[in-house]
Amino acid sequence: MPKRVDHEERRTQIAEALIRVAGRRGLHAVGMRDVAAEAGVSLRLVQYYFQTKEKLLFYGLQHLTDRFTARVGARLAAAGPDPGPRATIEALLLASLPTDEEGRTFHLLYSSYAILSVTDEALAAQPFVDNPDAAENAVAALIAGAQESGLADPDADARTEAISLLAMAASMGTSILVGQRGPESAVAVLRHHLDRIFRTGTPRPGPDAPPS
């Protein structure tokens, strides 16, 4: 009896091969034949699942995003059962930095795809990511919630701070990647700005709380 093929597993196998070879050679230099060789499958099979290089790259980006989400989740799990808004934001920001091989691959490929999508009509015709504002919305909501609990500067604009933190993390990631600064320096800068936004100590009492 022939073995049943798990198509999603096969797609994942090919996407992982794309990520590995692109991490070594750069996304712009990767062809479907290279991915097939890396995955140990035929070029015809890669073409069967993805038809075009652009579809393969887009699927690979989605898979890379899933891996990043798992990476953030692992950091949050290590922070304990209730990490709080600051620790949650810090986990998101630090997970995006190229401080290890996984982070390096994520930052390199994500940045490369963004640049290629500007000049490649086929890539530009499809969305860069399904929900481009997801991280911004999440960070802004965490800051706003912290403000309501007295854990963050009440005068800060949550949306602006979220945009600034994410842009800063992206810029710091590139500076690490090109050797401008070390990971410790980048992490220190991000934590400095988190210190500016978030208060230390206990939340402020509510309006009905007795005076201390």
Protein backbone atom coordinates (compact mmCIF):
# COMPACT_ATOMS: atom_id res chain seq x y z
CA MET A 1 0.00 0.00 0.00
CA PRO A 2 1.54 3.36 -1.02
CA LYS A 3 2.48 5.75 1.77
CA ARG A 4 0.04 8.63 2.21
CA VAL A 5 1.64 12.01 1.57
CA ASP A 6 1.13 14.75 4.16
CA HIS A 7 1.05 17.79 1.86
CA GLU A 8 1.35 20.35 4.65
CA GLU A 9 4.37 18.52 6.03
CA ARG A 10 5.93 18.51 2.58
CA ARG A 11 5.29 22.24 2.18
CA THR A 12 6.91 22.85 5.56
CA GLN A 13 9.90 20.73 4.54
CA ILE A 14 10.40 22.86 1.45
CA ALA A 15 9.88 26.13 3.39
CA GLU A 16 12.49 25.08 5.94
CA ALA A 17 14.91 24.35 3.10
CA LEU A 18 14.25 27.82 1.66
CA ILE A 19 14.98 29.42 5.03
CA ARG A 20 18.24 27.50 5.47
CA VAL A 21 19.65 28.21 2.03
CA ALA A 22 18.47 31.85 2.05
CA GLY A 23 20.07 32.31 5.46
CA ARG A 24 23.41 31.24 3.96
CA ARG A 25 23.25 32.89 0.54
CA GLY A 26 20.69 35.67 0.81
CA LEU A 27 17.10 35.62 -0.38
CA HIS A 28 17.89 37.35 -3.69
CA ALA A 29 20.29 34.56 -4.72
CA VAL A 30 17.96 31.62 -4.03
CA GLY A 31 16.25 29.75 -6.87
CA MET A 32 13.71 26.93 -6.78
CA ARG A 33 16.39 24.48 -7.89
CA ASP A 34 18.54 25.47 -4.88
CA VAL A 35 15.62 24.89 -2.54
CA ALA A 36 14.86 21.52 -4.09
CA ALA A 37 18.46 20.41 -3.62
CA GLU A 38 18.47 21.63 0.00
CA ALA A 39 15.21 19.82 0.74
CA GLY A 40 16.36 16.63 -1.01
CA VAL A 41 13.41 16.60 -3.40
CA SER A 42 12.99 17.15 -7.12
CA LEU A 43 12.57 20.55 -8.72
CA ARG A 44 9.31 19.26 -10.20
CA LEU A 45 7.97 18.62 -6.69
CA VAL A 46 8.80 22.16 -5.53
CA GLN A 47 7.07 23.52 -8.65
CA TYR A 48 4.07 21.28 -8.00
CA TYR A 49 3.52 22.80 -4.56
CA PHE A 50 4.43 26.42 -5.30
CA GLN A 51 4.31 26.96 -9.10
CA THR A 52 6.44 30.12 -8.93
CA LYS A 53 9.38 31.40 -6.93
CA GLU A 54 7.23 34.28 -5.65
CA LYS A 55 4.67 31.90 -4.16
CA LEU A 56 7.47 29.92 -2.55
CA LEU A 57 8.99 33.08 -1.04
CA PHE A 58 5.63 34.25 0.31
CA TYR A 59 4.93 30.87 1.92
CA GLY A 60 8.45 30.87 3.35
CA LEU A 61 7.82 34.29 4.91
CA GLN A 62 4.61 33.07 6.50
CA HIS A 63 6.45 30.04 7.87
CA LEU A 64 9.21 32.30 9.19
CA THR A 65 6.56 34.43 10.94
CA ASP A 66 5.14 31.30 12.58
CA ARG A 67 8.61 30.41 13.83
CA PHE A 68 9.03 33.93 15.20
CA THR A 69 5.71 33.67 17.06
CA ALA A 70 6.90 30.43 18.64
CA ARG A 71 10.17 32.14 19.58
CA VAL A 72 8.29 34.93 21.37
CA GLY A 73 6.11 32.34 23.08
CA ALA A 74 9.16 30.51 24.40
CA ARG A 75 10.53 33.75 25.88
CA LEU A 76 7.19 34.50 27.53
CA ALA A 77 6.97 30.98 28.96
CA ALA A 78 10.42 31.43 30.47
CA ALA A 79 9.27 34.70 32.07
CA GLY A 80 6.64 32.91 34.17
CA PRO A 81 2.85 32.45 34.21
CA ASP A 82 2.03 36.18 34.31
CA PRO A 83 4.88 38.16 32.72
CA GLY A 84 3.02 41.48 32.58
CA PRO A 85 2.95 44.09 29.80
CA ARG A 86 6.56 45.24 29.98
CA ALA A 87 8.01 41.71 29.95
CA THR A 88 5.67 40.78 27.10
CA ILE A 89 6.81 43.73 24.98
CA GLU A 90 10.44 43.04 25.85
CA ALA A 91 10.05 39.40 24.77
CA LEU A 92 8.64 40.53 21.42
CA LEU A 93 11.37 43.10 20.81
CA LEU A 94 14.31 40.94 21.90
CA ALA A 95 13.08 37.92 19.94
CA SER A 96 13.40 39.98 16.75
CA LEU A 97 17.07 40.84 17.33
CA PRO A 98 19.71 38.77 15.51
CA THR A 99 21.44 37.69 18.71
CA ASP A 100 21.58 34.03 17.66
CA GLU A 101 21.30 32.03 14.44
CA GLU A 102 17.50 31.89 14.52
CA GLY A 103 17.24 35.63 15.11
CA ARG A 104 19.83 36.37 12.45
CA THR A 105 17.92 34.32 9.87
CA PHE A 106 14.60 35.95 10.79
CA HIS A 107 15.94 39.50 10.53
CA LEU A 108 17.91 38.85 7.34
CA LEU A 109 15.10 37.16 5.45
CA TYR A 110 12.33 39.45 6.66
CA SER A 111 14.33 42.55 5.70
CA SER A 112 15.38 41.02 2.37
CA TYR A 113 11.79 40.17 1.46
CA ALA A 114 10.65 43.71 2.25
CA ILE A 115 13.33 45.15 -0.02
CA LEU A 116 12.66 42.69 -2.83
CA SER A 117 8.93 43.40 -2.70
CA VAL A 118 9.63 47.05 -3.55
CA THR A 119 11.27 46.23 -6.89
CA ASP A 120 9.74 42.85 -7.80
CA GLU A 121 6.30 43.28 -9.38
CA ALA A 122 5.22 39.71 -8.61
CA LEU A 123 6.10 40.07 -4.93
CA ALA A 124 4.57 43.54 -4.76
CA ALA A 125 1.28 42.14 -6.11
CA GLN A 126 0.71 40.08 -2.96
CA PRO A 127 0.58 41.36 0.62
CA PHE A 128 3.90 41.49 2.46
CA VAL A 129 2.24 40.01 5.54
CA ASP A 130 -1.41 39.17 6.22
CA ASN A 131 -1.74 41.68 9.08
CA PRO A 132 1.08 44.24 8.88
CA ASP A 133 -0.16 46.18 11.92
CA ALA A 134 -0.51 43.18 14.24
CA ALA A 135 2.67 43.81 16.26
CA GLU A 136 2.02 47.56 16.45
CA ASN A 137 -1.54 47.01 17.66
CA ALA A 138 -0.44 44.46 20.24
CA VAL A 139 2.32 46.66 21.69
CA ALA A 140 0.08 49.73 21.74
CA ALA A 141 -2.64 47.77 23.56
CA LEU A 142 -0.14 46.49 26.13
CA ILE A 143 1.14 50.00 26.83
CA ALA A 144 -2.39 51.38 27.09
CA GLY A 145 -3.35 48.62 29.50
CA ALA A 146 -0.25 49.31 31.58
CA GLN A 147 -1.20 53.00 31.72
CA GLU A 148 -4.66 52.12 33.03
CA SER A 149 -3.03 49.99 35.76
CA GLY A 150 -0.55 52.67 36.72
CA LEU A 151 2.40 50.69 35.38
CA ALA A 152 3.31 53.08 32.56
CA ASP A 153 3.69 56.81 32.02
CA PRO A 154 0.11 58.14 31.72
CA ASP A 155 1.25 61.01 29.50
CA ALA A 156 2.85 58.76 26.88
CA ASP A 157 1.04 58.19 23.60
CA ALA A 158 0.68 54.41 23.44
CA ARG A 159 0.49 54.23 19.65
CA THR A 160 3.50 56.47 19.09
CA GLU A 161 5.55 54.56 21.66
CA ALA A 162 4.63 51.25 20.03
CA ILE A 163 5.69 52.50 16.60
CA SER A 164 8.93 53.87 18.04
CA LEU A 165 9.84 50.68 19.88
CA LEU A 166 9.24 48.44 16.87
CA ALA A 167 11.14 50.76 14.53
CA MET A 168 13.98 50.93 17.03
CA ALA A 169 14.14 47.13 17.31
CA ALA A 170 14.28 46.81 13.51
CA SER A 171 17.05 49.40 13.29
CA MET A 172 19.00 47.81 16.14
CA GLY A 173 18.67 44.45 14.44
CA THR A 174 20.23 45.77 11.25
CA SER A 175 23.04 47.45 13.19
CA ILE A 176 23.85 44.10 14.84
CA LEU A 177 23.67 42.30 11.51
CA VAL A 178 26.21 44.61 9.85
CA GLY A 179 28.51 44.70 12.87
CA GLN A 180 27.88 48.30 13.88
CA ARG A 181 27.06 47.34 17.46
CA GLY A 182 26.95 44.25 19.64
CA PRO A 183 23.80 42.55 20.92
CA GLU A 184 24.39 43.78 24.48
CA SER A 185 24.41 47.41 23.33
CA ALA A 186 21.20 46.98 21.32
CA VAL A 187 19.42 45.27 24.21
CA ALA A 188 20.55 48.03 26.60
CA VAL A 189 19.11 50.73 24.31
CA LEU A 190 15.73 48.97 24.04
CA ARG A 191 15.56 48.46 27.80
CA HIS A 192 16.44 52.11 28.35
CA HIS A 193 13.39 53.16 26.36
CA LEU A 194 11.19 50.60 28.11
CA ASP A 195 12.37 52.07 31.44
CA ARG A 196 11.26 55.48 30.18
CA ILE A 197 7.75 54.22 29.37
CA PHE A 198 7.15 51.84 32.26
CA ARG A 199 7.11 52.72 35.93
CA THR A 200 8.93 50.69 38.55
CA GLY A 201 7.35 49.50 41.75
CA THR A 202 3.68 48.76 42.43
CA PRO A 203 0.66 50.03 40.48
CA ARG A 204 -0.90 53.27 41.67
CA PRO A 205 -4.04 52.83 43.82
CA GLY A 206 -7.43 53.24 42.25
CA PRO A 207 -9.67 56.25 42.97
CA ASP A 208 -11.52 54.38 45.78
CA ALA A 209 -8.42 53.04 47.49
CA PRO A 210 -7.68 54.30 51.05
CA PRO A 211 -4.72 56.68 51.45
CA SER A 212 -1.43 55.07 52.40
